[in-house]
Amino acid sequence: MKEKKLYSFWKGLGLFLLPILLALPALFLLGYLASENISPLMVQIIAFFIMAIPNILVVEGGDVMVYLGLFFYIFRRHRIAQMVTLTLVSLFVYLTDPTSVQWMMVFAVIPMYFYNGEKVVV
C-alpha cells in the first residue's frame, strides 16, 4: 500500500512539473530571438515550435487560470472552498488589471452555488 502511495506521489509530481519543464525550451528560444539578428522565416519557425509544444506560457487565460484549475481540483469535494477560491482569484485579477473584463468570472459563483450535482433534463 505504501508503494502505491509513493508511486502516486511521484506521478503527481511529474504531472505537476511537466508543463513547467515543457516551457523551458520556449524560454531558451525566446532568449535566442532577443539576442540575435535572425531572418523573419526563422522567427516564424521558432514561434511555431513555441506554440506547438503545450506549456504554461501559452495557455489561454494565463498562468492564473492554471492555478485556478489546480485549486478547483484540490477543492473538488468542497463547493464553498471552490467559490471562495474563484472569488479571490477574481479579486486578484481585478486588482492587477482593472481594465480587464476577466474579473467578471466572479459571477460564475451564482450557478456554482445553485448546482446540486445532478444532470439537467430539458
PDB file of N, CA and C in Angstrom:
ATOM      1  N   MET A   1       0.823  -1.190   0.000  1.00  0.00           N
ATOM      2  CA  MET A   1       0.000   0.000   0.000  1.00  0.00           C
ATOM      3  C   MET A   1       0.868   1.255   0.000  1.00  0.00           C
ATOM      4  N   LYS A   2       1.963   1.228   0.781  1.00  0.00           N
ATOM      5  CA  LYS A   2       2.851   2.383   0.843  1.00  0.00           C
ATOM      6  C   LYS A   2       3.534   2.607  -0.503  1.00  0.00           C
ATOM      7  N   GLU A   3       3.823   1.507  -1.188  1.00  0.00           N
ATOM      8  CA  GLU A   3       4.456   1.597  -2.500  1.00  0.00           C
ATOM      9  C   GLU A   3       3.525   2.281  -3.504  1.00  0.00           C
ATOM     10  N   LYS A   4       2.230   2.003  -3.407  1.00  0.00           N
ATOM     11  CA  LYS A   4       1.260   2.624  -4.301  1.00  0.00           C
ATOM     12  C   LYS A   4       1.152   4.124  -4.030  1.00  0.00           C
ATOM     13  N   LYS A   5       1.188   4.522  -2.752  1.00  0.00           N
ATOM     14  CA  LYS A   5       1.141   5.942  -2.413  1.00  0.00           C
ATOM     15  C   LYS A   5       2.381   6.666  -2.914  1.00  0.00           C
ATOM     16  N   LEU A   6       3.528   6.021  -2.795  1.00  0.00           N
ATOM     17  CA  LEU A   6       4.769   6.616  -3.276  1.00  0.00           C
ATOM     18  C   LEU A   6       4.725   6.778  -4.794  1.00  0.00           C
ATOM     19  N   TYR A   7       4.198   5.777  -5.489  1.00  0.00           N
ATOM     20  CA  TYR A   7       4.047   5.865  -6.939  1.00  0.00           C
ATOM     21  C   TYR A   7       3.106   7.009  -7.312  1.00  0.00           C
ATOM     22  N   SER A   8       1.998   7.138  -6.593  1.00  0.00           N
ATOM     23  CA  SER A   8       1.047   8.215  -6.864  1.00  0.00           C
ATOM     24  C   SER A   8       1.679   9.579  -6.629  1.00  0.00           C
ATOM     25  N   PHE A   9       2.502   9.689  -5.590  1.00  0.00           N
ATOM     26  CA  PHE A   9       3.178  10.957  -5.311  1.00  0.00           C
ATOM     27  C   PHE A   9       4.095  11.349  -6.459  1.00  0.00           C
ATOM     28  N   TRP A  10       4.931  10.410  -6.916  1.00  0.00           N
ATOM     29  CA  TRP A  10       5.873  10.714  -7.989  1.00  0.00           C
ATOM     30  C   TRP A  10       5.148  10.984  -9.298  1.00  0.00           C
ATOM     31  N   LYS A  11       4.071  10.274  -9.534  1.00  0.00           N
ATOM     32  CA  LYS A  11       3.282  10.512 -10.738  1.00  0.00           C
ATOM     33  C   LYS A  11       2.668  11.911 -10.695  1.00  0.00           C
ATOM     34  N   GLY A  12       2.119  12.286  -9.556  1.00  0.00           N
ATOM     35  CA  GLY A  12       1.545  13.619  -9.409  1.00  0.00           C
ATOM     36  C   GLY A  12       2.583  14.716  -9.537  1.00  0.00           C
ATOM     37  N   LEU A  13       3.744  14.503  -8.934  1.00  0.00           N
ATOM     38  CA  LEU A  13       4.818  15.489  -9.033  1.00  0.00           C
ATOM     39  C   LEU A  13       5.283  15.639 -10.478  1.00  0.00           C
ATOM     40  N   GLY A  14       5.390  14.530 -11.178  1.00  0.00           N
ATOM     41  CA  GLY A  14       5.787  14.584 -12.585  1.00  0.00           C
ATOM     42  C   GLY A  14       4.776  15.319 -13.442  1.00  0.00           C
ATOM     43  N   LEU A  15       3.498  15.045 -13.209  1.00  0.00           N
ATOM     44  CA  LEU A  15       2.459  15.734 -13.969  1.00  0.00           C
ATOM     45  C   LEU A  15       2.389  17.212 -13.615  1.00  0.00           C
ATOM     46  N   PHE A  16       2.726  17.554 -12.377  1.00  0.00           N
ATOM     47  CA  PHE A  16       2.755  18.958 -11.974  1.00  0.00           C
ATOM     48  C   PHE A  16       3.910  19.695 -12.648  1.00  0.00           C
ATOM     49  N   LEU A  17       5.065  19.043 -12.731  1.00  0.00           N
ATOM     50  CA  LEU A  17       6.252  19.686 -13.297  1.00  0.00           C
ATOM     51  C   LEU A  17       6.287  19.660 -14.822  1.00  0.00           C
ATOM     52  N   LEU A  18       5.508  18.799 -15.450  1.00  0.00           N
ATOM     53  CA  LEU A  18       5.543  18.654 -16.900  1.00  0.00           C
ATOM     54  C   LEU A  18       5.304  19.966 -17.650  1.00  0.00           C
ATOM     55  N   PRO A  19       4.254  20.740 -17.358  1.00  0.00           N
ATOM     56  CA  PRO A  19       4.062  21.990 -18.102  1.00  0.00           C
ATOM     57  C   PRO A  19       5.188  22.998 -17.880  1.00  0.00           C
ATOM     58  N   ILE A  20       5.758  22.991 -16.698  1.00  0.00           N
ATOM     59  CA  ILE A  20       6.858  23.913 -16.411  1.00  0.00           C
ATOM     60  C   ILE A  20       8.099  23.503 -17.195  1.00  0.00           C
ATOM     61  N   LEU A  21       8.383  22.208 -17.217  1.00  0.00           N
ATOM     62  CA  LEU A  21       9.551  21.721 -17.951  1.00  0.00           C
ATOM     63  C   LEU A  21       9.386  21.901 -19.457  1.00  0.00           C
ATOM     64  N   LEU A  22       8.159  21.775 -19.953  1.00  0.00           N
ATOM     65  CA  LEU A  22       7.922  21.992 -21.376  1.00  0.00           C
ATOM     66  C   LEU A  22       8.082  23.459 -21.766  1.00  0.00           C
ATOM     67  N   ALA A  23       8.007  24.363 -20.804  1.00  0.00           N
ATOM     68  CA  ALA A  23       8.180  25.788 -21.087  1.00  0.00           C
ATOM     69  C   ALA A  23       9.646  26.172 -21.223  1.00  0.00           C
ATOM     70  N   LEU A  24      10.556  25.371 -20.700  1.00  0.00           N
ATOM     71  CA  LEU A  24      11.981  25.719 -20.743  1.00  0.00           C
ATOM     72  C   LEU A  24      12.526  25.860 -22.166  1.00  0.00           C
ATOM     73  N   PRO A  25      12.234  24.940 -23.095  1.00  0.00           N
ATOM     74  CA  PRO A  25      12.717  25.171 -24.465  1.00  0.00           C
ATOM     75  C   PRO A  25      12.171  26.466 -25.066  1.00  0.00           C
ATOM     76  N   ALA A  26      10.931  26.797 -24.755  1.00  0.00           N
ATOM     77  CA  ALA A  26      10.362  28.046 -25.261  1.00  0.00           C
ATOM     78  C   ALA A  26      11.126  29.244 -24.714  1.00  0.00           C
ATOM     79  N   LEU A  27      11.500  29.199 -23.453  1.00  0.00           N
ATOM     80  CA  LEU A  27      12.266  30.304 -22.876  1.00  0.00           C
ATOM     81  C   LEU A  27      13.630  30.444 -23.542  1.00  0.00           C
ATOM     82  N   PHE A  28      14.288  29.317 -23.809  1.00  0.00           N
ATOM     83  CA  PHE A  28      15.584  29.374 -24.483  1.00  0.00           C
ATOM     84  C   PHE A  28      15.444  29.921 -25.901  1.00  0.00           C
ATOM     85  N   LEU A  29      14.388  29.502 -26.607  1.00  0.00           N
ATOM     86  CA  LEU A  29      14.173  30.014 -27.960  1.00  0.00           C
ATOM     87  C   LEU A  29      13.856  31.502 -27.946  1.00  0.00           C
ATOM     88  N   LEU A  30      13.081  31.945 -26.968  1.00  0.00           N
ATOM     89  CA  LEU A  30      12.786  33.375 -26.859  1.00  0.00           C
ATOM     90  C   LEU A  30      14.048  34.167 -26.555  1.00  0.00           C
ATOM     91  N   GLY A  31      14.916  33.608 -25.748  1.00  0.00           N
ATOM     92  CA  GLY A  31      16.194  34.261 -25.479  1.00  0.00           C
ATOM     93  C   GLY A  31      17.033  34.377 -26.739  1.00  0.00           C
ATOM     94  N   TYR A  32      16.992  33.360 -27.575  1.00  0.00           N
ATOM     95  CA  TYR A  32      17.711  33.392 -28.847  1.00  0.00           C
ATOM     96  C   TYR A  32      17.139  34.477 -29.754  1.00  0.00           C
ATOM     97  N   LEU A  33      15.819  34.602 -29.776  1.00  0.00           N
ATOM     98  CA  LEU A  33      15.186  35.630 -30.602  1.00  0.00           C
ATOM     99  C   LEU A  33      15.589  37.033 -30.163  1.00  0.00           C
ATOM    100  N   ALA A  34      15.743  37.229 -28.882  1.00  0.00           N
ATOM    101  CA  ALA A  34      16.062  38.557 -28.363  1.00  0.00           C
ATOM    102  C   ALA A  34      17.524  38.929 -28.572  1.00  0.00           C
ATOM    103  N   SER A  35      18.395  37.954 -28.676  1.00  0.00           N
ATOM    104  CA  SER A  35      19.822  38.262 -28.706  1.00  0.00           C
ATOM    105  C   SER A  35      20.432  38.264 -30.104  1.00  0.00           C
ATOM    106  N   GLU A  36      19.797  37.678 -31.068  1.00  0.00           N
ATOM    107  CA  GLU A  36      20.397  37.535 -32.394  1.00  0.00           C
ATOM    108  C   GLU A  36      19.618  38.318 -33.446  1.00  0.00           C
ATOM    109  N   ASN A  37      20.303  38.669 -34.504  1.00  0.00           N
ATOM    110  CA  ASN A  37      19.659  39.263 -35.672  1.00  0.00           C
ATOM    111  C   ASN A  37      19.364  38.121 -36.636  1.00  0.00           C
ATOM    112  N   ILE A  38      18.125  37.649 -36.644  1.00  0.00           N
ATOM    113  CA  ILE A  38      17.784  36.468 -37.433  1.00  0.00           C
ATOM    114  C   ILE A  38      16.712  36.811 -38.453  1.00  0.00           C
ATOM    115  N   SER A  39      16.543  35.940 -39.415  1.00  0.00           N
ATOM    116  CA  SER A  39      15.600  36.184 -40.505  1.00  0.00           C
ATOM    117  C   SER A  39      14.162  36.024 -40.020  1.00  0.00           C
ATOM    118  N   PRO A  40      13.214  36.685 -40.702  1.00  0.00           N
ATOM    119  CA  PRO A  40      11.797  36.545 -40.330  1.00  0.00           C
ATOM    120  C   PRO A  40      11.293  35.107 -40.446  1.00  0.00           C
ATOM    121  N   LEU A  41      11.834  34.344 -41.398  1.00  0.00           N
ATOM    122  CA  LEU A  41      11.424  32.947 -41.532  1.00  0.00           C
ATOM    123  C   LEU A  41      11.811  32.145 -40.293  1.00  0.00           C
ATOM    124  N   MET A  42      13.004  32.393 -39.784  1.00  0.00           N
ATOM    125  CA  MET A  42      13.453  31.695 -38.576  1.00  0.00           C
ATOM    126  C   MET A  42      12.582  32.087 -37.382  1.00  0.00           C
ATOM    127  N   VAL A  43      12.178  33.344 -37.321  1.00  0.00           N
ATOM    128  CA  VAL A  43      11.283  33.794 -36.248  1.00  0.00           C
ATOM    129  C   VAL A  43       9.964  33.035 -36.320  1.00  0.00           C
ATOM    130  N   GLN A  44       9.422  32.858 -37.521  1.00  0.00           N
ATOM    131  CA  GLN A  44       8.165  32.126 -37.683  1.00  0.00           C
ATOM    132  C   GLN A  44       8.316  30.659 -37.290  1.00  0.00           C
ATOM    133  N   ILE A  45       9.426  30.054 -37.644  1.00  0.00           N
ATOM    134  CA  ILE A  45       9.657  28.649 -37.293  1.00  0.00           C
ATOM    135  C   ILE A  45       9.754  28.488 -35.778  1.00  0.00           C
ATOM    136  N   ILE A  46      10.497  29.377 -35.142  1.00  0.00           N
ATOM    137  CA  ILE A  46      10.635  29.313 -33.681  1.00  0.00           C
ATOM    138  C   ILE A  46       9.291  29.556 -33.006  1.00  0.00           C
ATOM    139  N   ALA A  47       8.522  30.532 -33.519  1.00  0.00           N
ATOM    140  CA  ALA A  47       7.200  30.813 -32.951  1.00  0.00           C
ATOM    141  C   ALA A  47       6.282  29.607 -33.102  1.00  0.00           C
ATOM    142  N   PHE A  48       6.373  28.901 -34.226  1.00  0.00           N
ATOM    143  CA  PHE A  48       5.559  27.702 -34.421  1.00  0.00           C
ATOM    144  C   PHE A  48       5.884  26.650 -33.369  1.00  0.00           C
ATOM    145  N   PHE A  49       7.165  26.412 -33.130  1.00  0.00           N
ATOM    146  CA  PHE A  49       7.548  25.403 -32.143  1.00  0.00           C
ATOM    147  C   PHE A  49       7.148  25.816 -30.729  1.00  0.00           C
ATOM    148  N   ILE A  50       7.230  27.108 -30.437  1.00  0.00           N
ATOM    149  CA  ILE A  50       6.818  27.582 -29.113  1.00  0.00           C
ATOM    150  C   ILE A  50       5.323  27.353 -28.913  1.00  0.00           C
ATOM    151  N   MET A  51       4.527  27.600 -29.946  1.00  0.00           N
ATOM    152  CA  MET A  51       3.081  27.431 -29.824  1.00  0.00           C
ATOM    153  C   MET A  51       2.653  25.964 -29.931  1.00  0.00           C
ATOM    154  N   ALA A  52       3.443  25.133 -30.613  1.00  0.00           N
ATOM    155  CA  ALA A  52       3.057  23.735 -30.817  1.00  0.00           C
ATOM    156  C   ALA A  52       3.292  22.883 -29.576  1.00  0.00           C
ATOM    157  N   ILE A  53       4.257  23.266 -28.758  1.00  0.00           N
ATOM    158  CA  ILE A  53       4.543  22.499 -27.547  1.00  0.00           C
ATOM    159  C   ILE A  53       3.691  23.070 -26.422  1.00  0.00           C
ATOM    160  N   PRO A  54       2.757  22.299 -25.880  1.00  0.00           N
ATOM    161  CA  PRO A  54       1.915  22.842 -24.811  1.00  0.00           C
ATOM    162  C   PRO A  54       2.747  23.165 -23.575  1.00  0.00           C
ATOM    163  N   ASN A  55       2.575  24.364 -23.082  1.00  0.00           N
ATOM    164  CA  ASN A  55       3.295  24.765 -21.877  1.00  0.00           C
ATOM    165  C   ASN A  55       2.526  25.862 -21.166  1.00  0.00           C
ATOM    166  N   ILE A  56       2.966  26.191 -19.987  1.00  0.00           N
ATOM    167  CA  ILE A  56       2.253  27.136 -19.134  1.00  0.00           C
ATOM    168  C   ILE A  56       2.343  28.572 -19.650  1.00  0.00           C
ATOM    169  N   LEU A  57       3.276  28.845 -20.559  1.00  0.00           N
ATOM    170  CA  LEU A  57       3.448  30.200 -21.072  1.00  0.00           C
ATOM    171  C   LEU A  57       2.411  30.577 -22.120  1.00  0.00           C
ATOM    172  N   VAL A  58       1.864  29.603 -22.835  1.00  0.00           N
ATOM    173  CA  VAL A  58       0.953  29.913 -23.934  1.00  0.00           C
ATOM    174  C   VAL A  58      -0.484  29.460 -23.654  1.00  0.00           C
ATOM    175  N   VAL A  59      -0.801  29.149 -22.425  1.00  0.00           N
ATOM    176  CA  VAL A  59      -2.151  28.709 -22.096  1.00  0.00           C
ATOM    177  C   VAL A  59      -3.103  29.908 -22.140  1.00  0.00           C
ATOM    178  N   GLU A  60      -4.310  29.665 -22.626  1.00  0.00           N
ATOM    179  CA  GLU A  60      -5.293  30.732 -22.701  1.00  0.00           C
ATOM    180  C   GLU A  60      -5.718  31.136 -21.290  1.00  0.00           C
ATOM    181  N   GLY A  61      -5.739  32.414 -21.036  1.00  0.00           N
ATOM    182  CA  GLY A  61      -6.094  32.919 -19.717  1.00  0.00           C
ATOM    183  C   GLY A  61      -4.885  33.158 -18.833  1.00  0.00           C
ATOM    184  N   GLY A  62      -3.743  32.674 -19.240  1.00  0.00           N
ATOM    185  CA  GLY A  62      -2.524  32.904 -18.468  1.00  0.00           C
ATOM    186  C   GLY A  62      -2.337  31.891 -17.355  1.00  0.00           C
ATOM    187  N   ASP A  63      -1.280  32.086 -16.629  1.00  0.00           N
ATOM    188  CA  ASP A  63      -0.947  31.142 -15.563  1.00  0.00           C
ATOM    189  C   ASP A  63      -1.944  31.198 -14.410  1.00  0.00           C
ATOM    190  N   VAL A  64      -2.667  32.307 -14.282  1.00  0.00           N
ATOM    191  CA  VAL A  64      -3.678  32.417 -13.220  1.00  0.00           C
ATOM    192  C   VAL A  64      -4.761  31.359 -13.409  1.00  0.00           C
ATOM    193  N   MET A  65      -5.146  31.096 -14.659  1.00  0.00           N
ATOM    194  CA  MET A  65      -6.179  30.092 -14.915  1.00  0.00           C
ATOM    195  C   MET A  65      -5.668  28.679 -14.633  1.00  0.00           C
ATOM    196  N   VAL A  66      -4.380  28.464 -14.818  1.00  0.00           N
ATOM    197  CA  VAL A  66      -3.803  27.160 -14.471  1.00  0.00           C
ATOM    198  C   VAL A  66      -3.909  26.946 -12.969  1.00  0.00           C
ATOM    199  N   TYR A  67      -3.566  27.972 -12.211  1.00  0.00           N
ATOM    200  CA  TYR A  67      -3.664  27.864 -10.756  1.00  0.00           C
ATOM    201  C   TYR A  67      -5.120  27.717 -10.311  1.00  0.00           C
ATOM    202  N   LEU A  68      -6.029  28.415 -10.977  1.00  0.00           N
ATOM    203  CA  LEU A  68      -7.445  28.281 -10.641  1.00  0.00           C
ATOM    204  C   LEU A  68      -7.920  26.849 -10.878  1.00  0.00           C
ATOM    205  N   GLY A  69      -7.524  26.267 -11.996  1.00  0.00           N
ATOM    206  CA  GLY A  69      -7.875  24.872 -12.263  1.00  0.00           C
ATOM    207  C   GLY A  69      -7.289  23.927 -11.234  1.00  0.00           C
ATOM    208  N   LEU A  70      -6.064  24.197 -10.819  1.00  0.00           N
ATOM    209  CA  LEU A  70      -5.423  23.378  -9.789  1.00  0.00           C
ATOM    210  C   LEU A  70      -6.185  23.474  -8.471  1.00  0.00           C
ATOM    211  N   PHE A  71      -6.571  24.685  -8.082  1.00  0.00           N
ATOM    212  CA  PHE A  71      -7.328  24.853  -6.833  1.00  0.00           C
ATOM    213  C   PHE A  71      -8.719  24.232  -6.937  1.00  0.00           C
ATOM    214  N   PHE A  72      -9.357  24.320  -8.108  1.00  0.00           N
ATOM    215  CA  PHE A  72     -10.651  23.666  -8.282  1.00  0.00           C
ATOM    216  C   PHE A  72     -10.514  22.157  -8.104  1.00  0.00           C
ATOM    217  N   TYR A  73      -9.415  21.596  -8.589  1.00  0.00           N
ATOM    218  CA  TYR A  73      -9.215  20.157  -8.419  1.00  0.00           C
ATOM    219  C   TYR A  73      -8.949  19.814  -6.954  1.00  0.00           C
ATOM    220  N   ILE A  74      -8.139  20.612  -6.293  1.00  0.00           N
ATOM    221  CA  ILE A  74      -7.838  20.353  -4.879  1.00  0.00           C
ATOM    222  C   ILE A  74      -9.112  20.401  -4.047  1.00  0.00           C
ATOM    223  N   PHE A  75      -9.990  21.364  -4.332  1.00  0.00           N
ATOM    224  CA  PHE A  75     -11.231  21.530  -3.571  1.00  0.00           C
ATOM    225  C   PHE A  75     -12.426  20.911  -4.292  1.00  0.00           C
ATOM    226  N   ARG A  76     -12.212  19.849  -5.071  1.00  0.00           N
ATOM    227  CA  ARG A  76     -13.285  19.272  -5.873  1.00  0.00           C
ATOM    228  C   ARG A  76     -14.442  18.741  -5.042  1.00  0.00           C
ATOM    229  N   ARG A  77     -14.235  18.428  -3.792  1.00  0.00           N
ATOM    230  CA  ARG A  77     -15.311  17.919  -2.934  1.00  0.00           C
ATOM    231  C   ARG A  77     -15.842  18.987  -1.981  1.00  0.00           C
ATOM    232  N   HIS A  78     -15.349  20.207  -2.126  1.00  0.00           N
ATOM    233  CA  HIS A  78     -15.746  21.302  -1.234  1.00  0.00           C
ATOM    234  C   HIS A  78     -16.182  22.505  -2.072  1.00  0.00           C
ATOM    235  N   ARG A  79     -17.463  22.536  -2.373  1.00  0.00           N
ATOM    236  CA  ARG A  79     -18.006  23.563  -3.270  1.00  0.00           C
ATOM    237  C   ARG A  79     -17.795  24.972  -2.723  1.00  0.00           C
ATOM    238  N   ILE A  80     -17.975  25.175  -1.425  1.00  0.00           N
ATOM    239  CA  ILE A  80     -17.802  26.507  -0.836  1.00  0.00           C
ATOM    240  C   ILE A  80     -16.358  26.974  -1.006  1.00  0.00           C
ATOM    241  N   ALA A  81     -15.404  26.082  -0.808  1.00  0.00           N
ATOM    242  CA  ALA A  81     -13.991  26.446  -0.987  1.00  0.00           C
ATOM    243  C   ALA A  81     -13.715  26.807  -2.447  1.00  0.00           C
ATOM    244  N   GLN A  82     -14.358  26.120  -3.386  1.00  0.00           N
ATOM    245  CA  GLN A  82     -14.196  26.465  -4.794  1.00  0.00           C
ATOM    246  C   GLN A  82     -14.739  27.863  -5.075  1.00  0.00           C
ATOM    247  N   MET A  83     -15.886  28.182  -4.494  1.00  0.00           N
ATOM    248  CA  MET A  83     -16.470  29.502  -4.719  1.00  0.00           C
ATOM    249  C   MET A  83     -15.613  30.603  -4.099  1.00  0.00           C
ATOM    250  N   VAL A  84     -15.068  30.346  -2.925  1.00  0.00           N
ATOM    251  CA  VAL A  84     -14.178  31.324  -2.284  1.00  0.00           C
ATOM    252  C   VAL A  84     -12.916  31.504  -3.122  1.00  0.00           C
ATOM    253  N   THR A  85     -12.379  30.409  -3.628  1.00  0.00           N
ATOM    254  CA  THR A  85     -11.188  30.481  -4.476  1.00  0.00           C
ATOM    255  C   THR A  85     -11.465  31.299  -5.728  1.00  0.00           C
ATOM    256  N   LEU A  86     -12.593  31.050  -6.375  1.00  0.00           N
ATOM    257  CA  LEU A  86     -12.951  31.801  -7.575  1.00  0.00           C
ATOM    258  C   LEU A  86     -13.104  33.284  -7.264  1.00  0.00           C
ATOM    259  N   THR A  87     -13.709  33.595  -6.138  1.00  0.00           N
ATOM    260  CA  THR A  87     -13.871  34.990  -5.740  1.00  0.00           C
ATOM    261  C   THR A  87     -12.522  35.648  -5.486  1.00  0.00           C
ATOM    262  N   LEU A  88     -11.630  34.954  -4.804  1.00  0.00           N
ATOM    263  CA  LEU A  88     -10.304  35.514  -4.522  1.00  0.00           C
ATOM    264  C   LEU A  88      -9.485  35.704  -5.800  1.00  0.00           C
ATOM    265  N   VAL A  89      -9.574  34.750  -6.713  1.00  0.00           N
ATOM    266  CA  VAL A  89      -8.852  34.888  -7.982  1.00  0.00           C
ATOM    267  C   VAL A  89      -9.425  36.050  -8.787  1.00  0.00           C
ATOM    268  N   SER A  90     -10.743  36.203  -8.794  1.00  0.00           N
ATOM    269  CA  SER A  90     -11.363  37.333  -9.487  1.00  0.00           C
ATOM    270  C   SER A  90     -10.912  38.657  -8.888  1.00  0.00           C
ATOM    271  N   LEU A  91     -10.840  38.712  -7.575  1.00  0.00           N
ATOM    272  CA  LEU A  91     -10.361  39.924  -6.908  1.00  0.00           C
ATOM    273  C   LEU A  91      -8.905  40.201  -7.270  1.00  0.00           C
ATOM    274  N   PHE A  92      -8.086  39.158  -7.288  1.00  0.00           N
ATOM    275  CA  PHE A  92      -6.678  39.311  -7.665  1.00  0.00           C
ATOM    276  C   PHE A  92      -6.542  39.834  -9.092  1.00  0.00           C
ATOM    277  N   VAL A  93      -7.336  39.263 -10.015  1.00  0.00           N
ATOM    278  CA  VAL A  93      -7.287  39.696 -11.415  1.00  0.00           C
ATOM    279  C   VAL A  93      -7.717  41.149 -11.531  1.00  0.00           C
ATOM    280  N   TYR A  94      -8.753  41.536 -10.794  1.00  0.00           N
ATOM    281  CA  TYR A  94      -9.214  42.925 -10.845  1.00  0.00           C
ATOM    282  C   TYR A  94      -8.164  43.882 -10.282  1.00  0.00           C
ATOM    283  N   LEU A  95      -7.530  43.503  -9.186  1.00  0.00           N
ATOM    284  CA  LEU A  95      -6.531  44.387  -8.578  1.00  0.00           C
ATOM    285  C   LEU A  95      -5.275  44.519  -9.437  1.00  0.00           C
ATOM    286  N   THR A  96      -4.932  43.484 -10.178  1.00  0.00           N
ATOM    287  CA  THR A  96      -3.739  43.565 -11.020  1.00  0.00           C
ATOM    288  C   THR A  96      -4.005  44.269 -12.342  1.00  0.00           C
ATOM    289  N   ASP A  97      -5.236  44.184 -12.870  1.00  0.00           N
ATOM    290  CA  ASP A  97      -5.576  44.852 -14.130  1.00  0.00           C
ATOM    291  C   ASP A  97      -7.054  45.235 -14.129  1.00  0.00           C
ATOM    292  N   PRO A  98      -7.389  46.413 -13.604  1.00  0.00           N
ATOM    293  CA  PRO A  98      -8.795  46.820 -13.522  1.00  0.00           C
ATOM    294  C   PRO A  98      -9.462  47.012 -14.882  1.00  0.00           C
ATOM    295  N   THR A  99      -8.687  47.173 -15.951  1.00  0.00           N
ATOM    296  CA  THR A  99      -9.284  47.364 -17.274  1.00  0.00           C
ATOM    297  C   THR A  99      -9.707  46.050 -17.921  1.00  0.00           C
ATOM    298  N   SER A 100      -9.255  44.930 -17.395  1.00  0.00           N
ATOM    299  CA  SER A 100      -9.610  43.624 -17.947  1.00  0.00           C
ATOM    300  C   SER A 100     -11.018  43.235 -17.499  1.00  0.00           C
ATOM    301  N   VAL A 101     -11.703  42.509 -18.360  1.00  0.00           N
ATOM    302  CA  VAL A 101     -13.051  42.045 -18.009  1.00  0.00           C
ATOM    303  C   VAL A 101     -13.029  40.652 -17.379  1.00  0.00           C
ATOM    304  N   GLN A 102     -11.842  40.088 -17.213  1.00  0.00           N
ATOM    305  CA  GLN A 102     -11.722  38.737 -16.665  1.00  0.00           C
ATOM    306  C   GLN A 102     -12.231  38.649 -15.230  1.00  0.00           C
ATOM    307  N   TRP A 103     -12.267  39.777 -14.521  1.00  0.00           N
ATOM    308  CA  TRP A 103     -12.735  39.763 -13.134  1.00  0.00           C
ATOM    309  C   TRP A 103     -14.201  39.344 -13.048  1.00  0.00           C
ATOM    310  N   MET A 104     -14.940  39.472 -14.158  1.00  0.00           N
ATOM    311  CA  MET A 104     -16.363  39.139 -14.135  1.00  0.00           C
ATOM    312  C   MET A 104     -16.629  37.649 -13.976  1.00  0.00           C
ATOM    313  N   MET A 105     -15.573  36.846 -13.966  1.00  0.00           N
ATOM    314  CA  MET A 105     -15.776  35.420 -13.714  1.00  0.00           C
ATOM    315  C   MET A 105     -16.310  35.186 -12.305  1.00  0.00           C
ATOM    316  N   VAL A 106     -16.274  36.214 -11.470  1.00  0.00           N
ATOM    317  CA  VAL A 106     -16.834  36.092 -10.125  1.00  0.00           C
ATOM    318  C   VAL A 106     -18.331  35.783 -10.184  1.00  0.00           C
ATOM    319  N   PHE A 107     -18.995  36.190 -11.262  1.00  0.00           N
ATOM    320  CA  PHE A 107     -20.426  35.923 -11.382  1.00  0.00           C
ATOM    321  C   PHE A 107     -20.726  34.444 -11.635  1.00  0.00           C
ATOM    322  N   ALA A 108     -19.716  33.649 -11.924  1.00  0.00           N
ATOM    323  CA  ALA A 108     -19.905  32.200 -12.063  1.00  0.00           C
ATOM    324  C   ALA A 108     -20.173  31.547 -10.716  1.00  0.00           C
ATOM    325  N   VAL A 109     -19.962  32.284  -9.639  1.00  0.00           N
ATOM    326  CA  VAL A 109     -20.242  31.757  -8.299  1.00  0.00           C
ATOM    327  C   VAL A 109     -21.736  31.483  -8.136  1.00  0.00           C
ATOM    328  N   ILE A 110     -22.569  32.271  -8.787  1.00  0.00           N
ATOM    329  CA  ILE A 110     -24.025  32.119  -8.644  1.00  0.00           C
ATOM    330  C   ILE A 110     -24.489  30.742  -9.130  1.00  0.00           C
ATOM    331  N   PRO A 111     -24.202  30.337 -10.381  1.00  0.00           N
ATOM    332  CA  PRO A 111     -24.626  28.979 -10.762  1.00  0.00           C
ATOM    333  C   PRO A 111     -23.884  27.880 -10.003  1.00  0.00           C
ATOM    334  N   MET A 112     -22.643  28.159  -9.584  1.00  0.00           N
ATOM    335  CA  MET A 112     -21.927  27.160  -8.782  1.00  0.00           C
ATOM    336  C   MET A 112     -22.653  26.913  -7.467  1.00  0.00           C
ATOM    337  N   TYR A 113     -23.196  27.957  -6.886  1.00  0.00           N
ATOM    338  CA  TYR A 113     -23.897  27.833  -5.609  1.00  0.00           C
ATOM    339  C   TYR A 113     -25.165  26.991  -5.760  1.00  0.00           C
ATOM    340  N   PHE A 114     -25.880  27.186  -6.866  1.00  0.00           N
ATOM    341  CA  PHE A 114     -27.151  26.506  -7.043  1.00  0.00           C
ATOM    342  C   PHE A 114     -27.029  25.119  -7.673  1.00  0.00           C
ATOM    343  N   TYR A 115     -25.852  24.744  -8.138  1.00  0.00           N
ATOM    344  CA  TYR A 115     -25.677  23.431  -8.764  1.00  0.00           C
ATOM    345  C   TYR A 115     -25.766  22.343  -7.702  1.00  0.00           C
ATOM    346  N   ASN A 116     -26.616  21.348  -7.963  1.00  0.00           N
ATOM    347  CA  ASN A 116     -26.826  20.283  -6.983  1.00  0.00           C
ATOM    348  C   ASN A 116     -26.167  18.966  -7.380  1.00  0.00           C
ATOM    349  N   GLY A 117     -25.394  18.950  -8.446  1.00  0.00           N
ATOM    350  CA  GLY A 117     -24.675  17.747  -8.844  1.00  0.00           C
ATOM    351  C   GLY A 117     -25.450  16.820  -9.749  1.00  0.00           C
ATOM    352  N   GLU A 118     -26.655  17.194 -10.142  1.00  0.00           N
ATOM    353  CA  GLU A 118     -27.468  16.340 -10.998  1.00  0.00           C
ATOM    354  C   GLU A 118     -27.487  16.877 -12.419  1.00  0.00           C
ATOM    355  N   LYS A 119     -27.693  15.959 -13.379  1.00  0.00           N
ATOM    356  CA  LYS A 119     -27.829  16.375 -14.767  1.00  0.00           C
ATOM    357  C   LYS A 119     -29.170  17.065 -14.952  1.00  0.00           C
ATOM    358  N   VAL A 120     -29.174  18.038 -15.847  1.00  0.00           N
ATOM    359  CA  VAL A 120     -30.398  18.779 -16.133  1.00  0.00           C
ATOM    360  C   VAL A 120     -31.130  18.084 -17.272  1.00  0.00           C
ATOM    361  N   VAL A 121     -32.417  17.832 -17.081  1.00  0.00           N
ATOM    362  CA  VAL A 121     -33.242  17.233 -18.118  1.00  0.00           C
ATOM    363  C   VAL A 121     -34.161  18.317 -18.648  1.00  0.00           C
ATOM    364  N   VAL A 122     -34.073  18.544 -19.952  1.00  0.00           N
ATOM    365  CA  VAL A 122     -34.879  19.611 -20.560  1.00  0.00           C
ATOM    366  C   VAL A 122     -36.118  19.039 -21.164  1.00  0.00           C
TER     367      VAL A 122
END
